C-alpha atoms as a PDB file:
ATOM      1  CA  UNK A   1     295.365 -67.876  62.234  1.00  0.00           C
ATOM      2  CA  UNK A   2     298.748 -66.993  60.817  1.00  0.00           C
ATOM      3  CA  UNK A   3     299.691 -63.593  59.391  1.00  0.00           C
ATOM      4  CA  UNK A   4     300.936 -63.835  55.796  1.00  0.00           C
ATOM      5  CA  UNK A   5     302.418 -60.739  54.154  1.00  0.00           C
ATOM      6  CA  UNK A   6     301.946 -60.516  50.390  1.00  0.00           C
ATOM      7  CA  UNK A   7     304.631 -58.090  49.150  1.00  0.00           C
ATOM      8  CA  UNK A   8     304.721 -57.057  45.507  1.00  0.00           C
ATOM      9  CA  UNK A   9     308.195 -56.418  44.104  1.00  0.00           C
ATOM     10  CA  UNK A  10     309.251 -52.787  43.760  1.00  0.00           C
ATOM     11  CA  UNK A  11     309.270 -50.646  40.644  1.00  0.00           C
ATOM     12  CA  UNK A  12     311.626 -52.091  38.053  1.00  0.00           C
ATOM     13  CA  UNK A  13     313.239 -51.050  34.799  1.00  0.00           C
ATOM     14  CA  UNK A  14     311.502 -52.006  31.569  1.00  0.00           C
ATOM     15  CA  UNK A  15     311.917 -55.370  29.889  1.00  0.00           C
ATOM     16  CA  UNK A  16     313.574 -53.575  26.978  1.00  0.00           C
ATOM     17  CA  UNK A  17     316.178 -51.937  29.224  1.00  0.00           C
ATOM     18  CA  UNK A  18     316.925 -55.187  31.070  1.00  0.00           C
ATOM     19  CA  UNK A  19     316.939 -57.392  27.969  1.00  0.00           C
ATOM     20  CA  UNK A  20     314.360 -59.793  29.409  1.00  0.00           C
ATOM     21  CA  UNK A  21     311.483 -59.817  31.870  1.00  0.00           C
ATOM     22  CA  UNK A  22     313.373 -62.163  34.210  1.00  0.00           C
ATOM     23  CA  UNK A  23     316.357 -59.808  34.478  1.00  0.00           C
ATOM     24  CA  UNK A  24     314.493 -56.572  35.310  1.00  0.00           C
ATOM     25  CA  UNK A  25     316.098 -54.848  38.314  1.00  0.00           C
ATOM     26  CA  UNK A  26     314.675 -52.316  40.755  1.00  0.00           C
ATOM     27  CA  UNK A  27     314.922 -48.635  39.951  1.00  0.00           C
ATOM     28  CA  UNK A  28     316.404 -46.342  42.627  1.00  0.00           C
ATOM     29  CA  UNK A  29     312.869 -45.136  43.398  1.00  0.00           C
ATOM     30  CA  UNK A  30     311.651 -48.735  43.575  1.00  0.00           C
ATOM     31  CA  UNK A  31     314.415 -49.634  46.054  1.00  0.00           C
ATOM     32  CA  UNK A  32     313.559 -46.646  48.229  1.00  0.00           C
ATOM     33  CA  UNK A  33     309.828 -47.415  48.195  1.00  0.00           C
ATOM     34  CA  UNK A  34     310.403 -51.072  49.128  1.00  0.00           C
ATOM     35  CA  UNK A  35     312.621 -49.965  52.008  1.00  0.00           C
ATOM     36  CA  UNK A  36     309.974 -47.507  53.231  1.00  0.00           C
ATOM     37  CA  UNK A  37     307.213 -50.140  53.112  1.00  0.00           C
ATOM     38  CA  UNK A  38     309.424 -52.757  54.774  1.00  0.00           C
ATOM     39  CA  UNK A  39     310.158 -50.343  57.642  1.00  0.00           C
ATOM     40  CA  UNK A  40     306.406 -49.936  58.256  1.00  0.00           C
ATOM     41  CA  UNK A  41     305.586 -53.645  58.435  1.00  0.00           C
ATOM     42  CA  UNK A  42     303.881 -54.278  61.786  1.00  0.00           C
ATOM     43  CA  UNK A  43     305.708 -57.618  62.110  1.00  0.00           C
ATOM     44  CA  UNK A  44     309.338 -58.688  62.016  1.00  0.00           C
ATOM     45  CA  UNK A  45     309.402 -61.455  59.415  1.00  0.00           C
ATOM     46  CA  UNK A  46     311.624 -64.455  60.139  1.00  0.00           C
ATOM     47  CA  UNK A  47     311.409 -65.817  56.595  1.00  0.00           C
ATOM     48  CA  UNK A  48     310.955 -64.081  53.241  1.00  0.00           C
ATOM     49  CA  UNK A  49     310.036 -66.328  50.310  1.00  0.00           C
ATOM     50  CA  UNK A  50     310.668 -64.802  46.913  1.00  0.00           C
ATOM     51  CA  UNK A  51     310.050 -65.377  43.255  1.00  0.00           C
ATOM     52  CA  UNK A  52     313.266 -66.258  41.405  1.00  0.00           C
ATOM     53  CA  UNK A  53     312.981 -63.178  39.178  1.00  0.00           C
ATOM     54  CA  UNK A  54     315.632 -60.525  39.845  1.00  0.00           C
ATOM     55  CA  UNK A  55     313.290 -57.684  40.856  1.00  0.00           C
ATOM     56  CA  UNK A  56     311.609 -59.914  43.444  1.00  0.00           C
ATOM     57  CA  UNK A  57     314.932 -61.216  44.795  1.00  0.00           C
ATOM     58  CA  UNK A  58     316.159 -57.609  45.168  1.00  0.00           C
ATOM     59  CA  UNK A  59     312.929 -56.720  46.999  1.00  0.00           C
ATOM     60  CA  UNK A  60     313.381 -59.703  49.345  1.00  0.00           C
ATOM     61  CA  UNK A  61     316.977 -58.685  49.987  1.00  0.00           C
ATOM     62  CA  UNK A  62     315.896 -55.214  51.100  1.00  0.00           C
ATOM     63  CA  UNK A  63     313.275 -56.658  53.464  1.00  0.00           C
ATOM     64  CA  UNK A  64     315.877 -59.075  54.819  1.00  0.00           C
ATOM     65  CA  UNK A  65     318.460 -56.349  55.396  1.00  0.00           C
ATOM     66  CA  UNK A  66     315.972 -54.338  57.451  1.00  0.00           C
ATOM     67  CA  UNK A  67     314.558 -57.191  59.519  1.00  0.00           C
ATOM     68  CA  UNK A  68     317.376 -59.747  59.541  1.00  0.00           C
ATOM     69  CA  UNK A  69     315.095 -62.263  57.832  1.00  0.00           C
ATOM     70  CA  UNK A  70     316.146 -65.421  56.062  1.00  0.00           C
ATOM     71  CA  UNK A  71     315.486 -65.300  52.292  1.00  0.00           C
ATOM     72  CA  UNK A  72     314.367 -68.423  50.424  1.00  0.00           C
ATOM     73  CA  UNK A  73     313.874 -68.477  46.653  1.00  0.00           C
ATOM     74  CA  UNK A  74     310.718 -70.365  45.718  1.00  0.00           C
ATOM     75  CA  UNK A  75     310.142 -71.184  42.048  1.00  0.00           C
ATOM     76  CA  UNK A  76     306.409 -71.463  42.762  1.00  0.00           C
ATOM     77  CA  UNK A  77     306.296 -67.653  43.338  1.00  0.00           C
ATOM     78  CA  UNK A  78     307.312 -66.905  39.727  1.00  0.00           C
ATOM     79  CA  UNK A  79     304.611 -65.269  37.577  1.00  0.00           C
ATOM     80  CA  UNK A  80     301.543 -67.514  37.509  1.00  0.00           C
ATOM     81  CA  UNK A  81     301.631 -68.318  41.249  1.00  0.00           C
ATOM     82  CA  UNK A  82     298.439 -69.246  43.094  1.00  0.00           C
ATOM     83  CA  UNK A  83     297.285 -70.020  46.646  1.00  0.00           C
ATOM     84  CA  UNK A  84     298.842 -73.474  46.418  1.00  0.00           C
ATOM     85  CA  UNK A  85     302.105 -71.743  47.286  1.00  0.00           C
ATOM     86  CA  UNK A  86     300.907 -71.522  50.904  1.00  0.00           C
ATOM     87  CA  UNK A  87     301.274 -75.305  51.171  1.00  0.00           C
ATOM     88  CA  UNK A  88     304.956 -75.015  50.222  1.00  0.00           C
ATOM     89  CA  UNK A  89     306.076 -72.429  52.767  1.00  0.00           C
ATOM     90  CA  UNK A  90     306.763 -72.550  56.476  1.00  0.00           C
ATOM     91  CA  UNK A  91     303.673 -70.816  57.819  1.00  0.00           C
ATOM     92  CA  UNK A  92     304.950 -68.758  60.736  1.00  0.00           C
ATOM     93  CA  UNK A  93     303.434 -65.477  61.830  1.00  0.00           C
ATOM     94  CA  UNK A  94     304.688 -62.694  59.587  1.00  0.00           C
ATOM     95  CA  UNK A  95     305.992 -64.882  56.764  1.00  0.00           C
ATOM     96  CA  UNK A  96     306.503 -62.748  53.636  1.00  0.00           C
ATOM     97  CA  UNK A  97     305.802 -63.826  50.061  1.00  0.00           C
ATOM     98  CA  UNK A  98     307.439 -61.571  47.458  1.00  0.00           C
ATOM     99  CA  UNK A  99     305.891 -61.963  44.051  1.00  0.00           C
ATOM    100  CA  UNK A 100     304.082 -60.443  41.121  1.00  0.00           C
ATOM    101  CA  UNK A 101     300.719 -59.163  39.974  1.00  0.00           C
ATOM    102  CA  UNK A 102     298.092 -60.147  39.147  1.00  0.00           C
ATOM    103  CA  UNK A 103     299.007 -63.235  41.197  1.00  0.00           C
ATOM    104  CA  UNK A 104     299.323 -61.572  44.610  1.00  0.00           C
ATOM    105  CA  UNK A 105     296.137 -59.508  44.201  1.00  0.00           C
ATOM    106  CA  UNK A 106     294.270 -62.666  43.168  1.00  0.00           C
ATOM    107  CA  UNK A 107     295.579 -64.571  46.213  1.00  0.00           C
ATOM    108  CA  UNK A 108     294.516 -61.806  48.602  1.00  0.00           C
ATOM    109  CA  UNK A 109     291.106 -61.639  46.901  1.00  0.00           C
ATOM    110  CA  UNK A 110     290.654 -65.426  47.089  1.00  0.00           C
ATOM    111  CA  UNK A 111     291.428 -65.379  50.813  1.00  0.00           C
ATOM    112  CA  UNK A 112     289.481 -62.273  51.828  1.00  0.00           C
ATOM    113  CA  UNK A 113     286.722 -62.034  49.234  1.00  0.00           C
ATOM    114  CA  UNK A 114     287.646 -58.391  48.574  1.00  0.00           C
ATOM    115  CA  UNK A 115     289.600 -56.598  45.897  1.00  0.00           C
ATOM    116  CA  UNK A 116     292.939 -55.113  46.892  1.00  0.00           C
ATOM    117  CA  UNK A 117     295.219 -53.009  44.703  1.00  0.00           C
ATOM    118  CA  UNK A 118     298.882 -53.850  45.253  1.00  0.00           C
ATOM    119  CA  UNK A 119     300.959 -51.228  43.506  1.00  0.00           C
ATOM    120  CA  UNK A 120     304.636 -51.998  42.925  1.00  0.00           C
ATOM    121  CA  UNK A 121     306.322 -52.202  46.330  1.00  0.00           C
ATOM    122  CA  UNK A 122     303.088 -52.521  48.341  1.00  0.00           C
ATOM    123  CA  UNK A 123     302.453 -55.045  51.128  1.00  0.00           C
ATOM    124  CA  UNK A 124     299.188 -56.590  52.324  1.00  0.00           C
ATOM    125  CA  UNK A 125     298.906 -58.580  55.549  1.00  0.00           C
ATOM    126  CA  UNK A 126     296.264 -61.294  55.715  1.00  0.00           C
ATOM    127  CA  UNK A 127     295.374 -63.417  58.748  1.00  0.00           C
ATOM    128  CA  UNK A 128     294.947 -66.827  57.105  1.00  0.00           C
ATOM    129  CA  UNK A 129     292.947 -69.617  58.743  1.00  0.00           C
ATOM    130  CA  UNK A 130     294.284 -73.124  59.323  1.00  0.00           C
ATOM    131  CA  UNK A 131     292.574 -74.489  56.199  1.00  0.00           C
ATOM    132  CA  UNK A 132     294.452 -71.926  54.044  1.00  0.00           C
ATOM    133  CA  UNK A 133     291.116 -71.225  52.356  1.00  0.00           C
ATOM    134  CA  UNK A 134     290.066 -67.909  53.893  1.00  0.00           C
ATOM    135  CA  UNK A 135     291.463 -64.923  55.693  1.00  0.00           C
ATOM    136  CA  UNK A 136     291.029 -61.365  56.850  1.00  0.00           C
ATOM    137  CA  UNK A 137     292.917 -58.356  55.529  1.00  0.00           C
ATOM    138  CA  UNK A 138     294.628 -56.749  58.530  1.00  0.00           C
ATOM    139  CA  UNK A 139     296.829 -54.157  56.840  1.00  0.00           C
ATOM    140  CA  UNK A 140     297.755 -52.632  53.501  1.00  0.00           C
ATOM    141  CA  UNK A 141     300.869 -50.480  53.143  1.00  0.00           C
ATOM    142  CA  UNK A 142     301.290 -48.817  49.745  1.00  0.00           C
ATOM    143  CA  UNK A 143     304.497 -46.951  48.876  1.00  0.00           C
ATOM    144  CA  UNK A 144     302.569 -43.661  48.634  1.00  0.00           C
ATOM    145  CA  UNK A 145     301.869 -43.888  52.381  1.00  0.00           C
ATOM    146  CA  UNK A 146     305.199 -45.396  53.445  1.00  0.00           C
ATOM    147  CA  UNK A 147     307.252 -42.704  51.717  1.00  0.00           C
ATOM    148  CA  UNK A 148     305.392 -40.031  53.685  1.00  0.00           C
ATOM    149  CA  UNK A 149     306.890 -41.559  56.834  1.00  0.00           C
ATOM    150  CA  UNK A 150     310.242 -42.510  55.246  1.00  0.00           C
ATOM    151  CA  UNK A 151     310.703 -40.107  52.294  1.00  0.00           C
ATOM    152  CA  UNK A 152     312.769 -41.085  49.283  1.00  0.00           C
ATOM    153  CA  UNK A 153     315.680 -38.871  48.356  1.00  0.00           C
ATOM    154  CA  UNK A 154     315.162 -37.652  44.812  1.00  0.00           C
ATOM    155  CA  UNK A 155     318.154 -38.225  42.551  1.00  0.00           C
END
């Protein structure tokens, strides 16, 4: 088994404000929530794979700055990703995949057989078997819980 962390990007500005969906950046609250969740991860990730979209890259950067992880942009994590992405990453314990919904929720469901709600900035850890076909949910850290431990400063 290998622990894979599915981490949804943090809260981002609207498509209208950013000019395009691809260019949406994290809000100050979104940055704070991602930081709080990243601090509560029960593993120190060595590698963080991220969607090429700006909000995901910013999320990966925050995780990396906390844990000293390497960040790798993976086109396959752009919206529309599926479990096939697991065949394209270095599967080491605690690897993080930063992406989008509904993709991440669907991947966790396909592996575990159960529904999981990944709000913006949430992380779910799944022990994945060698076949990459099934797994067990071992943790879920939503921002609402993480910010109780690491509160966000209100602007």
